[in-house]
Protein backbone atom coordinates (compact mmCIF):
# COMPACT_ATOMS: atom_id res chain seq x y z
CA MET A 1 40.70 15.98 -74.80
CA GLU A 2 39.04 12.77 -75.57
CA PHE A 3 39.98 10.87 -72.44
CA ALA A 4 39.80 7.42 -74.38
CA SER A 5 43.02 5.59 -74.07
CA ILE A 6 46.53 5.73 -72.37
CA GLU A 7 49.35 4.50 -74.62
CA ARG A 8 53.01 4.25 -73.55
CA GLN A 9 55.68 2.54 -75.27
CA ILE A 10 59.23 1.97 -74.46
CA HIS A 11 62.46 -0.54 -75.23
CA VAL A 12 63.45 -2.87 -72.78
CA GLU A 13 67.11 -4.62 -72.54
CA ALA A 14 65.79 -7.90 -71.93
CA ALA A 15 63.96 -10.64 -73.96
CA PRO A 16 60.34 -10.81 -74.08
CA GLU A 17 60.17 -13.78 -71.67
CA VAL A 18 61.76 -11.77 -69.04
CA VAL A 19 59.39 -8.65 -69.46
CA PHE A 20 56.43 -11.20 -69.70
CA GLU A 21 57.29 -12.29 -66.06
CA VAL A 22 57.82 -9.13 -64.79
CA ILE A 23 54.48 -7.54 -65.83
CA SER A 24 52.45 -10.93 -65.10
CA ARG A 25 53.91 -12.50 -62.08
CA PRO A 26 52.81 -11.40 -58.30
CA GLU A 27 56.33 -11.19 -57.13
CA HIS A 28 57.75 -8.87 -59.76
CA ILE A 29 54.69 -6.81 -59.91
CA ARG A 30 55.35 -6.04 -56.25
CA ASP A 31 58.50 -4.56 -57.33
CA TRP A 32 57.75 -2.20 -59.89
CA TRP A 33 54.05 -1.15 -59.02
CA TYR A 34 54.42 -1.26 -55.32
CA ALA A 35 51.56 -3.24 -55.10
CA GLU A 36 50.89 -6.58 -53.22
CA CYS A 37 49.33 -8.68 -56.16
CA ASP A 38 47.39 -12.17 -55.83
CA VAL A 39 46.63 -12.76 -59.21
CA GLN A 40 48.37 -15.67 -61.48
CA PRO A 41 48.77 -14.74 -65.16
CA THR A 42 45.81 -17.17 -66.26
CA PRO A 43 42.81 -16.02 -68.26
CA GLY A 44 40.06 -15.70 -65.70
CA ALA A 45 42.05 -15.55 -62.75
CA THR A 46 40.93 -12.80 -60.41
CA GLY A 47 42.48 -11.29 -57.23
CA GLU A 48 43.34 -7.57 -55.94
CA LEU A 49 46.20 -5.25 -56.07
CA ALA A 50 46.56 -3.78 -52.90
CA TRP A 51 49.06 -0.75 -51.95
CA ALA A 52 49.93 0.32 -48.46
CA ASP A 53 50.07 3.86 -47.05
CA GLY A 54 51.90 3.94 -43.61
CA ASP A 55 50.96 1.35 -41.22
CA ASN A 56 48.05 0.35 -43.25
CA PRO A 57 49.34 -2.45 -45.76
CA ARG A 58 45.94 -2.32 -47.46
CA ALA A 59 45.20 1.20 -47.91
CA HIS A 60 44.03 1.09 -51.45
CA VAL A 61 42.66 -2.27 -52.87
CA THR A 62 41.32 -2.70 -56.40
CA PRO A 63 40.15 -5.86 -58.00
CA MET A 64 41.70 -7.30 -60.97
CA THR A 65 40.82 -9.71 -63.45
CA VAL A 66 43.00 -11.42 -66.07
CA VAL A 67 41.72 -11.08 -69.42
CA ALA A 68 44.46 -12.78 -71.75
CA SER A 69 47.61 -14.23 -71.07
CA ASP A 70 50.06 -15.31 -74.03
CA PRO A 71 53.47 -15.51 -72.93
CA PRO A 72 55.72 -13.61 -73.92
CA ARG A 73 53.71 -11.67 -76.44
CA LEU A 74 50.28 -10.46 -74.49
CA PHE A 75 48.96 -9.98 -71.17
CA SER A 76 46.10 -8.02 -70.31
CA PHE A 77 43.84 -7.60 -67.51
CA ARG A 78 40.47 -5.74 -66.26
CA TRP A 79 40.62 -3.52 -62.87
CA THR A 80 38.95 -0.72 -61.21
CA HIS A 81 35.56 -2.73 -61.15
CA PRO A 82 33.35 -2.35 -58.22
CA ALA A 83 34.01 -5.36 -55.68
CA GLY A 84 31.97 -8.26 -55.95
CA GLU A 85 31.04 -7.63 -59.47
CA ALA A 86 32.46 -9.31 -62.50
CA ALA A 87 34.91 -7.08 -64.50
CA VAL A 88 33.30 -6.23 -67.74
CA ASP A 89 33.40 -3.52 -70.41
CA GLY A 90 31.74 -0.70 -68.81
CA ASN A 91 32.66 -1.13 -65.15
CA SER A 92 36.50 -1.66 -65.48
CA LEU A 93 39.43 -0.56 -67.23
CA LEU A 94 41.08 -2.61 -69.88
CA VAL A 95 45.02 -2.41 -69.52
CA THR A 96 46.97 -4.46 -72.45
CA PHE A 97 50.63 -5.15 -72.67
CA GLU A 98 51.92 -6.05 -76.09
CA LEU A 99 55.37 -7.43 -76.22
CA VAL A 100 57.61 -7.73 -79.55
CA ALA A 101 61.01 -8.77 -79.65
CA SER A 102 63.35 -6.13 -81.10
CA GLY A 103 67.05 -6.20 -81.41
CA SER A 104 68.40 -7.37 -77.91
CA GLY A 105 65.41 -6.66 -76.20
CA THR A 106 61.63 -6.24 -76.11
CA LEU A 107 59.49 -3.26 -77.39
CA LEU A 108 56.67 -3.10 -74.75
CA ARG A 109 53.47 -1.21 -75.42
CA LEU A 110 50.99 -0.63 -72.84
CA THR A 111 47.25 0.54 -73.80
CA GLU A 112 45.01 1.29 -70.94
CA THR A 113 40.96 1.77 -72.08
CA GLY A 114 37.83 1.92 -70.70
CA PHE A 115 37.81 5.46 -69.11
CA ARG A 116 34.57 6.81 -71.25
CA GLU A 117 32.58 3.66 -70.86
CA ARG A 118 32.68 3.87 -67.12
CA GLY A 119 30.13 6.64 -67.13
CA TRP A 120 31.91 9.09 -64.82
CA GLU A 121 30.88 12.74 -64.72
CA ILE A 122 33.51 14.73 -66.69
CA ALA A 123 35.32 15.73 -63.48
CA VAL A 124 35.58 12.25 -62.29
CA LEU A 125 36.54 10.86 -65.64
CA GLU A 126 39.27 13.68 -66.29
CA GLN A 127 40.68 13.01 -62.58
CA GLN A 128 40.77 9.40 -63.31
CA TYR A 129 42.36 9.59 -66.44
CA HIS A 130 44.89 11.98 -65.29
CA GLU A 131 46.00 10.18 -62.48
CA HIS A 132 46.20 6.94 -64.60
CA VAL A 133 48.45 8.92 -67.20
CA THR A 134 50.60 10.38 -64.26
CA GLY A 135 50.96 6.83 -62.85
CA TRP A 136 51.72 4.79 -66.22
CA GLY A 137 54.38 7.75 -66.75
CA ILE A 138 55.85 6.60 -63.55
CA TYR A 139 55.62 2.57 -63.28
CA VAL A 140 56.27 1.84 -67.48
CA PRO A 141 59.66 2.64 -66.96
CA ARG A 142 59.97 0.56 -63.51
CA ILE A 143 58.84 -2.17 -65.69
CA GLY A 144 61.76 -1.64 -67.94
CA GLU A 145 64.34 -0.98 -64.98
CA HIS A 146 63.31 -4.04 -63.27
CA ALA A 147 63.28 -6.69 -66.15
CA GLU A 148 66.74 -4.98 -66.90
CA ARG A 149 67.80 -5.47 -63.13
CA LEU A 150 66.62 -9.36 -63.58
CA VAL A 151 68.72 -9.86 -66.59
CA SER A 152 71.89 -8.28 -64.92
CA ALA A 153 71.31 -10.81 -61.71
CA ARG A 154 71.14 -13.94 -63.94
């Protein structure tokens, strides 16, 4: 196995504008990723994602930097870099969401890269890669569910 990238693709019964809002706005990220997010969808914007565990609302915190934001077609960010360091190739993972209008909805493509470039020992690389594969397998469908609920509520 190469551990180079993770790719997911789903069709969402919502317009690209709605799906873009769901993947990029903090108030929606909270609903599908279960993480508090303070990053606005503007290239260069920085902040963090924070996941709760029990009574600790910031049990796991990771920095995030928006790389590209081209509504409603593309949203990408770097994350998992060390706190206090700028997110660059080699110290972070790059997540890219591509949105393509498809019929009455949107084709959502997610790609996450940068695993091998982190320079992790093989055991750490395998663990991180598998954790992210599992995570995106859970969270990408939730993006679609959340977007479809938004459409139904409007």
